[in-house]
């Protein structure tokens, strides 16, 4: 599901990096539609805390998922406006609310490891593996798992 290219080192996967609660995450670039600053977010009555609201993005209604809530992290208190990464799932548009967007990383696919046993369980249920980078761990987000929202939300 990632954008893969052949190189001398083997198959390379590309990820858009994002920081959520101080943790580095990677989203497969093939799943990312756009990156935007969410404005005029409309709260959805009776939705779970994971749904930050909906907004109109270039004529499309986008459901915005609060990734901090999805990961069980506290709200950001740094006063900086959040960013969002636009993704699609089965024809529906979603925005994943993140703290900051990073860069595009090209990493060898062979470097992607299974989730470590000591990875926070809240992250592990949304992760499709990890890459060990210089001094930090990049958790690869599985967009399909991220958008498997709670049962009470599917009825909404």
Foldseek 3Di string as FASTA:
>chain_A
DADWDQDPVGIKGKWWWAAAPNAIATERPVFFDAKFQDDPFDQDPPADPQFPHWDQDPNAIETEGEVCVLLVHDDDDPPDGWMWTWGDDPRHIYTYTGRGIDGMDIGHPVQWAQDDPPPDPSLNQQFPTWGDDVPHIYTYGDVVSSPPDDPVNVVD
